[in-house]
Amino acid sequence: MNSYSQEVTLYKQFGGHIDFTIIGNSMNLDENGAFSNCVINTSSSATLNLTDDETIKGAYLYWAGSGPGDFGVQLNNESITSQRNFNAVLETVDLPYFSAFYDVTAQIISERNTEYTLSELDLTDIISAYCPNGTNFAGWAILVIYENPNLPLNQINIYDGLEYVPNELSISLNNIDVIDTIDSKIGFIAWEGDAFLSVNESLYINGNLIGNPPLNPNDNAFNGTNTYTNSDELYNMDLDEYSIQNNIAIGDDTVNIQLTSGQDFVMINTIITKLNSQLPDATISIDNFQITSCNNRETQCYVTVYNNNSTKELPVNTSITIYGDENLLATTFTTSIIPINGSESIEIPLIIPESILQDFELKAVVNEINPVLEIRTDNNEYFLFINYPLPPVLEVQSPIENCNLGFEKGIFDFSDIYTEIITTVGSDVTITFYPTEEDYLNDTAPINPNFDYENISNPQTIYIKATNDLTGCYSYVTLPISVYNCPPFIPDGFSPNGDGINDEFNISGLYDIFTSFNLEIYNRWGTLVYDTNQNKEPWNGRLYNTKELVPTGVYYYILYPNDSNYKTVQGSVYVSR
């Protein structure tokens, strides 16, 4: 008999004052076979009964059947989509089979002792191909791990997959540490076992034939039975439990299971072991790796050492080693005894070698130096890929020159520059404008780029800082700004009639800008009638010596800007009434 299947391997471990039980039911109406009715249910029920002092720690639903798979079911009307799937193919008849998994811990804790109904497991459309060779089946089971303070300290290992039993199947269960053999047991969730097929069907633990007669005879281990309800009508599935305290020895670190079957097509889905064990189990996590600034090699690594799923305290001075791309970066030790299900958090200063920047793999290892004996040694490492990001790249900014509005002041609009930078570097970067280098260094007096800005010196250097919001990595670029004297606007006339409108010869862009200017006004005969500068009032159409209004007419001016960028300007202005 040939088949494709998935190896049964360790899924989860528990430690403490714990034990397990299994509930479930078949969808078959009777034992399948060539002459059975080719009919199957889509729902069935089973009841969970725990005592008041038994606290649920975990609950796992498995369901299985003929066909490529039905991975959406309901448990007590709660819709479930499988989280893990297993498949097998019986190649001699080219037929597939499946198993599915879902963690139902929260639901079982909430509903606790009640009748559980699995529904919507509908294989009615596909089983006709399976009935002739007697492999039409469907069923479900819930494995429940519970804690009871009156129990001894135990280690429970859950192994799952989907392995078929051809003539012989051997499964080696590792991650075992036998401290005491008392009350040790093993449980099975298996599918498609038939009571009437008992040809060379046997179960061996560490080479010893075991059984549980009369429910599970030594020559018919998988026979459609339920140890937990003492039922022999769990058609085409088995929820069986066996004592193995006489089949293991103190110090064993593996349990070897051997199954044989001369005819029956049996699939092993889940194996559960309970052993008395008193050992710690050290694990570690990297909680935070602090990048203080871009490419800063001095940093802090924050780790937590756990002693979860253990049955003994983790001793003080358990080692912690930190590696960067296999380069040893630091070694330290726990400072306290870590109790069962306890933890200790530790801050470790690091200096990252320049050779491994920018990107590297950070590895934390617990219990590596002078290791203490523990339940598992394959869960002592934690990996974290570190990406030292480059600072945001900012383009060099072109200088901005605006007109002098007076006393070397100007108005500047940074909004377009801000928008262009954000578009270039991305929305996860914060852009900040600062008026001076000191403000940039101290993160003070930021400029809001959405409002007009008046310079505080001329010229002035604006500092633009780009900060990566995720890492704090930053860069900056400078923006030179300055004001210059724009050409003044000289009107061609004014009317000093006292109406408050255009009463003065007001040259826009002259006062407070060309602060050294001189302006002279002459009549048509070349006589000076008025002169002014930064410190005198504009000409109001009166003679500077008599204060009398000049007659209507054309007058001539000479403007001396006294600015190296401008020449003397001569022109005329008309004075009207």
Protein backbone atom coordinates (compact mmCIF):
# COMPACT_ATOMS: atom_id res chain seq x y z
CA MET A 1 0.00 0.00 0.00
CA ASN A 2 1.61 3.30 -1.10
CA SER A 3 0.69 6.75 0.14
CA TYR A 4 1.80 10.35 0.45
CA SER A 5 1.58 11.81 3.95
CA GLN A 6 2.98 14.49 6.29
CA GLU A 7 5.35 13.55 9.08
CA VAL A 8 4.13 13.81 12.67
CA THR A 9 6.34 16.38 14.45
CA LEU A 10 6.31 18.41 17.65
CA TYR A 11 3.67 21.16 17.59
CA LYS A 12 3.46 22.48 21.13
CA GLN A 13 4.62 21.84 24.70
CA PHE A 14 3.12 22.54 28.09
CA GLY A 15 4.60 22.29 31.55
CA GLY A 16 3.07 22.47 35.01
CA HIS A 17 0.43 20.74 37.09
CA ILE A 18 -1.33 19.61 33.93
CA ASP A 19 -3.04 16.74 32.13
CA PHE A 20 -5.09 16.28 28.96
CA THR A 21 -8.35 14.82 27.74
CA ILE A 22 -9.95 14.40 24.32
CA ILE A 23 -13.55 14.63 23.14
CA GLY A 24 -14.96 14.12 19.67
CA ASN A 25 -17.23 12.09 17.45
CA SER A 26 -17.51 10.39 14.09
CA MET A 27 -19.73 11.42 11.17
CA ASN A 28 -20.09 7.79 10.07
CA LEU A 29 -23.39 6.04 10.78
CA ASP A 30 -21.67 2.68 11.01
CA GLU A 31 -18.33 1.13 10.35
CA ASN A 32 -17.44 1.63 6.72
CA GLY A 33 -16.76 -1.19 4.34
CA ALA A 34 -17.67 -2.52 0.97
CA PHE A 35 -21.18 -3.48 2.16
CA SER A 36 -21.95 -0.51 4.46
CA ASN A 37 -24.41 2.23 3.59
CA CYS A 38 -22.67 4.94 1.58
CA VAL A 39 -24.13 7.69 3.78
CA ILE A 40 -22.38 10.11 6.11
CA ASN A 41 -23.55 12.80 8.54
CA THR A 42 -22.55 16.46 8.34
CA SER A 43 -22.62 17.04 12.11
CA SER A 44 -22.14 15.19 15.37
CA SER A 45 -21.74 16.02 19.06
CA ALA A 46 -19.65 15.24 22.14
CA THR A 47 -19.67 16.54 25.73
CA LEU A 48 -16.84 18.06 27.75
CA ASN A 49 -16.86 17.43 31.51
CA LEU A 50 -14.12 19.00 33.61
CA THR A 51 -14.11 19.40 37.37
CA ASP A 52 -14.28 22.83 39.00
CA ASP A 53 -10.59 22.82 39.91
CA GLU A 54 -9.46 22.04 36.35
CA THR A 55 -8.45 25.18 34.40
CA ILE A 56 -8.23 25.05 30.62
CA LYS A 57 -4.77 25.98 29.28
CA GLY A 58 -5.27 25.05 25.63
CA ALA A 59 -7.82 23.45 23.31
CA TYR A 60 -7.19 22.30 19.75
CA LEU A 61 -9.74 21.14 17.21
CA TYR A 62 -8.84 18.53 14.59
CA TRP A 63 -11.23 17.34 11.91
CA ALA A 64 -10.60 14.95 9.04
CA GLY A 65 -12.20 12.96 6.30
CA SER A 66 -12.11 11.54 2.83
CA GLY A 67 -11.44 13.85 -0.09
CA PRO A 68 -9.22 16.85 -0.79
CA GLY A 69 -10.62 18.73 2.20
CA ASP A 70 -13.45 20.69 3.75
CA PHE A 71 -11.66 23.43 5.65
CA GLY A 72 -14.62 25.52 6.77
CA VAL A 73 -16.81 24.12 9.58
CA GLN A 74 -18.80 25.31 12.59
CA LEU A 75 -18.38 24.49 16.27
CA ASN A 76 -21.52 25.27 18.26
CA ASN A 77 -22.55 27.57 15.40
CA GLU A 78 -19.23 29.47 15.46
CA SER A 79 -17.71 29.55 11.96
CA ILE A 80 -14.17 28.18 11.74
CA THR A 81 -11.66 28.20 8.90
CA SER A 82 -8.69 25.91 9.37
CA GLN A 83 -5.36 27.41 10.44
CA ARG A 84 -3.25 24.39 9.46
CA ASN A 85 -3.97 21.62 6.97
CA PHE A 86 -2.60 18.10 6.48
CA ASN A 87 -3.05 15.85 3.46
CA ALA A 88 -2.42 12.25 2.47
CA VAL A 89 -2.90 10.37 -0.79
CA LEU A 90 -3.52 6.63 -1.05
CA GLU A 91 -1.70 6.08 -4.32
CA THR A 92 -2.96 2.55 -4.94
CA VAL A 93 -6.42 3.98 -5.59
CA ASP A 94 -5.30 7.59 -6.21
CA LEU A 95 -7.59 8.98 -3.50
CA PRO A 96 -6.80 11.96 -1.24
CA TYR A 97 -7.58 12.38 2.46
CA PHE A 98 -7.26 15.42 4.70
CA SER A 99 -7.04 16.70 8.23
CA ALA A 100 -7.45 20.28 9.49
CA PHE A 101 -6.60 22.19 12.67
CA TYR A 102 -7.91 25.20 14.58
CA ASP A 103 -6.99 26.64 17.98
CA VAL A 104 -10.33 26.79 19.86
CA THR A 105 -8.88 27.67 23.27
CA ALA A 106 -10.87 30.90 23.65
CA GLN A 107 -14.17 29.25 22.72
CA ILE A 108 -13.68 26.24 24.99
CA ILE A 109 -12.69 28.48 27.92
CA SER A 110 -15.81 30.57 27.29
CA GLU A 111 -18.29 27.68 26.90
CA ARG A 112 -16.44 25.19 29.11
CA ASN A 113 -18.56 22.15 30.14
CA THR A 114 -21.26 21.71 27.53
CA GLU A 115 -22.20 19.67 24.50
CA TYR A 116 -20.12 20.57 21.49
CA THR A 117 -21.49 20.07 17.98
CA LEU A 118 -19.28 20.18 14.92
CA SER A 119 -21.34 20.91 11.82
CA GLU A 120 -20.93 21.90 8.16
CA LEU A 121 -18.41 19.10 7.64
CA ASP A 122 -20.07 18.02 4.43
CA LEU A 123 -18.50 15.19 2.41
CA THR A 124 -21.73 13.81 0.97
CA ASP A 125 -20.81 14.73 -2.60
CA ILE A 126 -17.44 12.98 -2.64
CA ILE A 127 -17.66 9.81 -0.55
CA SER A 128 -19.17 7.66 -3.30
CA ALA A 129 -15.67 7.16 -4.70
CA TYR A 130 -14.46 5.97 -1.27
CA CYS A 131 -17.23 3.55 -0.32
CA PRO A 132 -16.17 0.66 -2.59
CA ASN A 133 -12.78 0.35 -0.89
CA GLY A 134 -14.11 1.11 2.61
CA THR A 135 -12.26 4.42 3.23
CA ASN A 136 -15.24 6.78 3.44
CA PHE A 137 -15.05 8.57 6.77
CA ALA A 138 -15.26 11.91 8.58
CA GLY A 139 -14.85 12.90 12.22
CA TRP A 140 -13.54 15.48 14.67
CA ALA A 141 -11.79 15.73 18.02
CA ILE A 142 -10.87 18.44 20.53
CA LEU A 143 -7.68 17.98 22.56
CA VAL A 144 -7.95 19.86 25.88
CA ILE A 145 -4.94 20.65 28.10
CA TYR A 146 -5.98 21.55 31.65
CA GLU A 147 -4.27 22.55 34.87
CA ASN A 148 -5.08 21.13 38.30
CA PRO A 149 -3.03 22.17 41.37
CA ASN A 150 -3.42 18.66 42.79
CA LEU A 151 -1.51 17.09 39.87
CA PRO A 152 2.25 16.49 39.89
CA LEU A 153 4.47 18.60 37.63
CA ASN A 154 4.12 17.14 34.15
CA GLN A 155 5.38 17.83 30.67
CA ILE A 156 2.86 17.46 27.84
CA ASN A 157 4.06 17.31 24.23
CA ILE A 158 1.67 17.57 21.28
CA TYR A 159 2.84 16.10 17.99
CA ASP A 160 0.76 16.30 14.83
CA GLY A 161 0.86 15.68 11.09
CA LEU A 162 -0.87 13.04 9.00
CA GLU A 163 0.99 9.76 8.62
CA TYR A 164 -0.59 6.58 7.36
CA VAL A 165 0.24 3.08 8.59
CA PRO A 166 1.26 0.86 5.70
CA ASN A 167 2.70 -2.49 6.73
CA GLU A 168 4.75 -0.71 9.37
CA LEU A 169 5.18 2.88 10.60
CA SER A 170 7.82 4.14 13.00
CA ILE A 171 7.60 7.53 14.70
CA SER A 172 10.30 8.85 17.01
CA LEU A 173 9.09 11.48 19.50
CA ASN A 174 11.88 13.77 20.69
CA ASN A 175 11.99 16.69 23.15
CA ILE A 176 11.30 14.16 25.89
CA ASP A 177 12.92 14.11 29.33
CA VAL A 178 11.75 11.36 31.64
CA ILE A 179 12.31 12.17 35.32
CA ASP A 180 9.72 9.76 36.70
CA THR A 181 7.61 7.13 34.93
CA ILE A 182 4.59 7.24 37.27
CA ASP A 183 1.29 7.98 35.47
CA SER A 184 3.06 8.49 32.13
CA LYS A 185 0.65 8.08 29.24
CA ILE A 186 0.26 8.54 25.52
CA GLY A 187 -2.83 9.53 23.55
CA PHE A 188 -3.76 9.21 19.88
CA ILE A 189 -6.14 10.92 17.48
CA ALA A 190 -6.29 8.50 14.55
CA TRP A 191 -8.59 8.08 11.55
CA GLU A 192 -10.10 5.28 9.50
CA GLY A 193 -9.42 2.40 11.86
CA ASP A 194 -11.87 -0.50 11.42
CA ALA A 195 -12.89 -2.90 14.17
CA PHE A 196 -13.30 -5.89 11.87
CA LEU A 197 -9.83 -5.47 10.32
CA SER A 198 -7.26 -6.82 12.77
CA VAL A 199 -4.69 -8.37 10.49
CA ASN A 200 -1.32 -7.93 12.19
CA GLU A 201 -2.45 -4.62 13.69
CA SER A 202 -0.38 -3.71 16.74
CA LEU A 203 1.09 -0.81 18.70
CA TYR A 204 4.59 -0.86 20.21
CA ILE A 205 6.11 1.69 22.59
CA ASN A 206 9.91 1.45 22.80
CA GLY A 207 9.65 -2.04 21.39
CA ASN A 208 6.99 -3.18 23.88
CA LEU A 209 3.59 -4.34 22.64
CA ILE A 210 0.84 -2.42 24.43
CA GLY A 211 -2.92 -2.56 24.44
CA ASN A 212 -5.94 -1.77 26.56
CA PRO A 213 -8.17 -4.83 26.34
CA PRO A 214 -10.96 -5.42 25.98
CA LEU A 215 -11.47 -1.95 24.40
CA ASN A 216 -8.19 -2.02 22.49
CA PRO A 217 -6.88 -5.57 22.04
CA ASN A 218 -3.16 -6.01 21.46
CA ASP A 219 -3.86 -7.15 17.90
CA ASN A 220 -6.39 -4.40 17.03
CA ALA A 221 -5.21 -1.08 18.45
CA PHE A 222 -7.12 1.18 16.05
CA ASN A 223 -10.61 -0.22 16.00
CA GLY A 224 -13.03 2.72 16.20
CA THR A 225 -12.92 3.22 19.98
CA ASN A 226 -12.95 6.06 22.51
CA THR A 227 -10.98 5.44 25.71
CA TYR A 228 -12.47 8.51 27.38
CA THR A 229 -16.08 7.30 27.00
CA ASN A 230 -15.26 3.55 26.86
CA SER A 231 -17.16 3.38 23.57
CA ASP A 232 -16.53 0.93 20.74
CA GLU A 233 -18.85 2.76 18.35
CA LEU A 234 -16.61 5.65 17.34
CA TYR A 235 -16.77 4.46 13.78
CA ASN A 236 -13.63 4.90 11.68
CA MET A 237 -11.72 7.04 14.18
CA ASP A 238 -9.91 6.47 17.46
CA LEU A 239 -9.50 8.62 20.55
CA ASP A 240 -7.30 6.32 22.58
CA GLU A 241 -5.05 6.66 25.61
CA TYR A 242 -2.50 4.16 26.93
CA SER A 243 -0.42 4.01 30.08
CA ILE A 244 3.27 3.82 29.21
CA GLN A 245 4.81 3.97 32.68
CA ASN A 246 6.12 0.42 32.24
CA ASN A 247 7.43 1.10 28.74
CA ILE A 248 9.76 4.03 29.38
CA ALA A 249 12.68 4.58 31.72
CA ILE A 250 14.04 7.49 33.72
CA GLY A 251 16.49 9.41 31.55
CA ASP A 252 14.81 8.61 28.23
CA ASP A 253 14.90 11.56 25.82
CA THR A 254 12.91 9.92 23.02
CA VAL A 255 9.91 7.64 22.75
CA ASN A 256 9.78 5.30 19.77
CA ILE A 257 6.35 4.33 18.46
CA GLN A 258 5.89 1.47 16.02
CA LEU A 259 2.59 0.62 14.39
CA THR A 260 1.87 -2.31 12.13
CA SER A 261 -1.15 -3.16 10.01
CA GLY A 262 -1.54 -5.98 7.55
CA GLN A 263 -4.73 -4.60 5.96
CA ASP A 264 -6.34 -1.66 7.77
CA PHE A 265 -5.60 1.83 6.36
CA VAL A 266 -4.92 3.84 9.54
CA MET A 267 -3.83 7.51 9.63
CA ILE A 268 -2.17 8.98 12.72
CA ASN A 269 -3.07 12.67 13.10
CA THR A 270 -2.07 13.59 16.66
CA ILE A 271 0.03 12.02 19.41
CA ILE A 272 0.08 13.41 22.94
CA THR A 273 2.52 12.38 25.67
CA LYS A 274 2.33 13.17 29.38
CA LEU A 275 5.47 12.58 31.41
CA ASN A 276 6.44 13.53 34.92
CA SER A 277 9.22 16.04 34.44
CA GLN A 278 10.98 18.68 36.54
CA LEU A 279 13.13 20.79 34.26
CA PRO A 280 13.26 24.45 33.22
CA ASP A 281 12.88 25.53 29.62
CA ALA A 282 14.80 28.68 28.73
CA THR A 283 13.67 30.78 25.78
CA ILE A 284 14.57 34.32 24.79
CA SER A 285 13.16 37.20 22.79
CA ILE A 286 14.66 40.44 21.50
CA ASP A 287 12.14 43.05 22.60
CA ASN A 288 13.83 46.13 21.23
CA PHE A 289 17.02 47.08 19.45
CA GLN A 290 17.62 50.77 19.89
CA ILE A 291 19.14 52.70 17.02
CA THR A 292 20.00 55.99 18.69
CA SER A 293 20.95 57.75 15.46
CA CYS A 294 22.03 56.96 11.95
CA ASN A 295 25.03 54.65 11.86
CA ASN A 296 25.67 55.08 15.56
CA ARG A 297 27.51 51.90 16.55
CA GLU A 298 26.80 52.32 20.26
CA THR A 299 23.34 51.00 20.99
CA GLN A 300 21.15 49.10 23.45
CA CYS A 301 19.55 45.67 23.04
CA TYR A 302 16.62 44.72 25.26
CA VAL A 303 15.93 41.01 25.73
CA THR A 304 13.63 38.91 27.89
CA VAL A 305 14.46 35.42 29.13
CA TYR A 306 11.42 33.21 29.76
CA ASN A 307 10.86 29.95 31.62
CA ASN A 308 7.47 29.10 30.08
CA ASN A 309 6.01 25.60 29.73
CA SER A 310 8.53 24.42 32.30
CA THR A 311 8.35 22.31 35.42
CA LYS A 312 11.27 23.76 37.35
CA GLU A 313 12.84 27.15 38.11
CA LEU A 314 15.53 28.46 35.75
CA PRO A 315 18.62 29.10 37.90
CA VAL A 316 20.41 32.43 38.30
CA ASN A 317 23.43 33.11 36.03
CA THR A 318 21.89 31.46 32.99
CA SER A 319 23.96 32.76 30.08
CA ILE A 320 22.82 35.20 27.39
CA THR A 321 24.95 35.71 24.30
CA ILE A 322 24.34 38.24 21.53
CA TYR A 323 25.68 37.82 18.00
CA GLY A 324 25.70 40.03 14.92
CA ASP A 325 26.17 37.96 11.78
CA GLU A 326 27.86 35.33 14.00
CA ASN A 327 30.20 37.95 15.52
CA LEU A 328 30.01 37.76 19.32
CA LEU A 329 28.82 41.18 20.50
CA ALA A 330 28.09 40.64 24.19
CA THR A 331 27.80 38.05 26.93
CA THR A 332 25.81 38.48 30.12
CA PHE A 333 23.85 36.37 32.62
CA THR A 334 20.46 36.38 34.28
CA THR A 335 20.51 38.03 37.69
CA SER A 336 17.71 36.16 39.44
CA ILE A 337 15.99 32.80 39.63
CA ILE A 338 13.21 32.72 37.02
CA PRO A 339 10.15 30.82 38.31
CA ILE A 340 7.93 28.55 36.25
CA ASN A 341 6.17 30.71 33.64
CA GLY A 342 8.25 33.68 34.83
CA SER A 343 10.65 35.96 32.96
CA GLU A 344 13.46 38.47 33.41
CA SER A 345 14.10 41.48 31.13
CA ILE A 346 17.65 42.68 30.62
CA GLU A 347 19.23 45.71 28.91
CA ILE A 348 22.49 44.93 27.12
CA PRO A 349 24.80 47.67 25.77
CA LEU A 350 26.30 46.83 22.38
CA ILE A 351 28.90 48.24 20.04
CA ILE A 352 28.15 47.13 16.50
CA PRO A 353 31.24 46.37 14.41
CA GLU A 354 31.56 48.75 11.49
CA SER A 355 32.18 45.77 9.23
CA ILE A 356 28.59 44.53 9.52
CA LEU A 357 26.77 47.82 9.06
CA GLN A 358 24.36 48.60 7.34
CA ASP A 359 22.32 45.39 7.51
CA PHE A 360 22.93 42.33 9.67
CA GLU A 361 21.21 39.51 11.56
CA LEU A 362 21.06 39.95 15.32
CA LYS A 363 20.89 36.67 17.28
CA ALA A 364 20.20 36.21 20.98
CA VAL A 365 21.02 32.83 22.54
CA VAL A 366 20.09 31.74 26.06
CA ASN A 367 21.70 28.92 28.03
CA GLU A 368 24.67 28.53 25.69
CA ILE A 369 27.55 28.81 28.18
CA ASN A 370 27.72 26.08 30.83
CA PRO A 371 24.15 25.11 29.92
CA VAL A 372 21.72 23.85 32.53
CA LEU A 373 19.67 20.77 31.72
CA GLU A 374 16.31 21.84 30.26
CA ILE A 375 13.26 20.38 28.56
CA ARG A 376 14.16 21.62 25.07
CA THR A 377 17.39 22.79 23.49
CA ASP A 378 15.97 23.70 20.08
CA ASN A 379 14.18 26.87 21.23
CA ASN A 380 17.06 28.84 22.77
CA GLU A 381 17.64 31.28 19.90
CA TYR A 382 15.89 34.40 18.66
CA PHE A 383 16.72 36.17 15.40
CA LEU A 384 16.06 39.74 14.33
CA PHE A 385 17.14 41.29 11.05
CA ILE A 386 18.55 44.75 11.68
CA ASN A 387 18.36 47.35 8.96
CA TYR A 388 20.33 50.48 9.73
CA PRO A 389 18.48 52.86 7.43
CA LEU A 390 20.30 55.54 5.55
CA PRO A 391 19.22 59.08 6.42
CA PRO A 392 16.70 60.68 4.08
CA VAL A 393 18.40 62.10 1.02
CA LEU A 394 17.77 65.82 0.56
CA GLU A 395 18.61 67.75 -2.58
CA VAL A 396 20.74 70.89 -2.40
CA GLN A 397 18.46 73.92 -2.27
CA SER A 398 18.97 76.92 -4.56
CA PRO A 399 19.28 80.30 -2.83
CA ILE A 400 16.18 82.49 -2.64
CA GLU A 401 16.40 86.26 -3.12
CA ASN A 402 13.43 88.51 -2.45
CA CYS A 403 12.91 92.26 -2.56
CA ASN A 404 13.92 94.28 0.45
CA LEU A 405 10.71 95.49 2.09
CA GLY A 406 12.58 97.76 4.45
CA PHE A 407 15.56 97.56 6.73
CA GLU A 408 16.74 94.41 4.89
CA LYS A 409 13.57 92.50 5.67
CA GLY A 410 11.76 90.25 3.21
CA ILE A 411 8.87 87.78 3.09
CA PHE A 412 9.59 84.19 2.07
CA ASP A 413 7.22 81.39 1.13
CA PHE A 414 8.61 77.89 1.90
CA SER A 415 5.42 75.92 1.15
CA ASP A 416 6.47 74.79 -2.35
CA ILE A 417 9.87 73.69 -1.08
CA TYR A 418 8.20 71.70 1.73
CA THR A 419 5.79 70.01 -0.71
CA GLU A 420 8.60 69.12 -3.12
CA ILE A 421 10.72 67.57 -0.35
CA ILE A 422 7.81 65.53 1.05
CA THR A 423 7.02 64.27 -2.44
CA THR A 424 10.64 63.20 -2.88
CA VAL A 425 11.43 61.58 0.48
CA GLY A 426 7.98 60.13 1.34
CA SER A 427 5.27 60.69 3.91
CA ASP A 428 7.05 58.76 6.69
CA VAL A 429 9.62 61.54 6.98
CA THR A 430 9.07 64.69 9.06
CA ILE A 431 10.41 67.91 7.53
CA THR A 432 11.31 70.78 9.87
CA PHE A 433 12.63 74.27 9.00
CA TYR A 434 14.87 76.11 11.49
CA PRO A 435 15.99 79.78 11.37
CA THR A 436 19.54 79.16 12.67
CA GLU A 437 22.07 76.37 13.12
CA GLU A 438 21.65 76.63 16.89
CA ASP A 439 17.91 76.10 16.59
CA TYR A 440 18.52 73.12 14.32
CA LEU A 441 20.91 71.54 16.82
CA ASN A 442 18.60 72.20 19.78
CA ASP A 443 15.31 71.58 17.98
CA THR A 444 13.98 75.03 18.92
CA ALA A 445 11.99 77.76 17.14
CA PRO A 446 10.79 75.65 14.18
CA ILE A 447 9.37 77.55 11.21
CA ASN A 448 5.91 76.66 9.89
CA PRO A 449 6.46 76.37 6.13
CA ASN A 450 2.77 76.94 5.45
CA PHE A 451 2.98 80.57 6.60
CA ASP A 452 4.98 83.47 5.20
CA TYR A 453 8.31 83.89 6.90
CA GLU A 454 10.19 87.14 7.56
CA ASN A 455 13.96 86.84 7.66
CA ILE A 456 15.81 87.77 10.85
CA SER A 457 19.13 88.63 9.20
CA ASN A 458 20.45 89.33 5.75
CA PRO A 459 21.76 87.06 4.42
CA GLN A 460 20.33 84.19 6.45
CA THR A 461 20.76 80.39 6.32
CA ILE A 462 17.66 78.26 6.87
CA TYR A 463 18.28 74.69 8.09
CA ILE A 464 15.91 72.03 6.73
CA LYS A 465 15.90 68.77 8.72
CA ALA A 466 14.40 65.50 7.44
CA THR A 467 13.69 62.91 10.15
CA ASN A 468 12.65 59.31 9.46
CA ASP A 469 9.60 58.78 11.70
CA LEU A 470 10.32 55.07 12.12
CA THR A 471 13.99 55.24 13.11
CA GLY A 472 14.71 58.83 14.11
CA CYS A 473 17.46 58.86 11.50
CA TYR A 474 17.88 62.35 10.07
CA SER A 475 19.79 64.56 7.67
CA TYR A 476 19.72 68.24 6.85
CA VAL A 477 20.29 70.69 4.05
CA THR A 478 20.73 74.47 4.11
CA LEU A 479 18.66 77.02 2.26
CA PRO A 480 20.35 80.43 1.77
CA ILE A 481 17.91 83.33 1.73
CA SER A 482 18.60 87.03 1.27
CA VAL A 483 16.95 90.28 0.31
CA TYR A 484 18.16 92.87 -2.18
CA ASN A 485 17.08 96.37 -3.14
CA CYS A 486 14.59 96.12 -5.95
CA PRO A 487 14.28 99.15 -8.32
CA PRO A 488 12.12 101.87 -6.75
CA PHE A 489 8.91 102.96 -8.48
CA ILE A 490 8.85 106.71 -9.24
CA PRO A 491 5.40 108.18 -9.97
CA ASP A 492 5.07 110.79 -12.75
CA GLY A 493 2.98 113.16 -10.67
CA PHE A 494 1.10 113.96 -7.46
CA SER A 495 -1.52 116.47 -6.22
CA PRO A 496 -0.75 118.14 -2.88
CA ASN A 497 -4.28 119.50 -2.36
CA GLY A 498 -4.76 118.23 1.17
CA ASP A 499 -7.40 115.62 0.35
CA GLY A 500 -5.23 112.84 1.81
CA ILE A 501 -4.85 111.18 -1.54
CA ASN A 502 -1.54 111.34 -3.41
CA ASP A 503 -0.47 114.42 -1.47
CA GLU A 504 3.24 113.56 -1.56
CA PHE A 505 5.90 112.66 -4.08
CA ASN A 506 6.01 109.09 -2.71
CA ILE A 507 8.61 106.89 -4.39
CA SER A 508 7.74 103.26 -3.57
CA GLY A 509 10.63 101.06 -2.50
CA LEU A 510 12.88 103.95 -1.56
CA TYR A 511 12.51 104.78 2.11
CA ASP A 512 13.93 102.18 4.60
CA ILE A 513 15.45 100.37 1.63
CA PHE A 514 17.93 102.73 -0.01
CA THR A 515 18.77 104.11 3.39
CA SER A 516 21.60 106.36 2.10
CA PHE A 517 19.65 107.95 -0.76
CA ASN A 518 19.41 111.67 -1.57
CA LEU A 519 16.62 113.23 -3.61
CA GLU A 520 16.73 116.78 -5.06
CA ILE A 521 13.78 118.65 -6.66
CA TYR A 522 14.31 121.57 -9.10
CA ASN A 523 11.94 123.93 -10.91
CA ARG A 524 12.19 124.69 -14.60
CA TRP A 525 14.75 127.41 -13.99
CA GLY A 526 17.08 125.01 -12.19
CA THR A 527 16.37 126.36 -8.74
CA LEU A 528 16.47 123.77 -5.90
CA VAL A 529 13.01 123.76 -4.32
CA TYR A 530 13.37 120.68 -2.01
CA ASP A 531 15.76 117.95 -1.03
CA THR A 532 15.20 114.88 1.14
CA ASN A 533 16.79 111.67 2.40
CA GLN A 534 16.07 108.69 4.65
CA ASN A 535 15.67 110.96 7.66
CA LYS A 536 13.37 113.60 6.08
CA GLU A 537 9.79 113.54 4.90
CA PRO A 538 8.88 113.01 1.26
CA TRP A 539 8.27 116.17 -0.80
CA ASN A 540 4.74 117.47 -0.22
CA GLY A 541 4.82 120.10 -3.01
CA ARG A 542 6.07 122.94 -0.83
CA LEU A 543 9.21 125.00 -0.90
CA TYR A 544 11.58 123.75 1.75
CA ASN A 545 12.41 127.25 2.98
CA THR A 546 8.98 129.03 2.93
CA LYS A 547 6.62 126.03 3.18
CA GLU A 548 4.54 127.57 0.37
CA LEU A 549 2.97 125.34 -2.26
CA VAL A 550 4.79 125.46 -5.52
CA PRO A 551 2.84 126.46 -8.63
CA THR A 552 1.27 123.77 -10.81
CA GLY A 553 3.71 122.51 -13.37
CA VAL A 554 6.58 120.26 -14.21
CA TYR A 555 9.45 119.81 -11.76
CA TYR A 556 12.65 117.88 -12.12
CA TYR A 557 14.27 115.45 -9.74
CA ILE A 558 17.66 113.86 -9.32
CA LEU A 559 17.68 110.63 -7.24
CA TYR A 560 21.01 109.48 -5.86
CA PRO A 561 20.38 105.87 -4.65
CA ASN A 562 23.92 105.66 -3.26
CA ASP A 563 23.80 101.96 -3.99
CA SER A 564 26.57 100.34 -5.98
CA ASN A 565 23.99 98.42 -7.99
CA TYR A 566 22.09 101.49 -9.15
CA LYS A 567 22.96 104.64 -11.10
CA THR A 568 21.67 108.17 -10.47
CA VAL A 569 18.14 108.61 -11.80
CA GLN A 570 16.85 111.88 -13.34
CA GLY A 571 13.31 112.62 -14.38
CA SER A 572 10.30 114.89 -14.12
CA VAL A 573 7.22 114.95 -11.99
CA TYR A 574 4.05 116.96 -12.56
CA VAL A 575 2.54 118.82 -9.61
CA SER A 576 -1.17 119.50 -9.95
CA ARG A 577 -3.88 120.94 -7.79
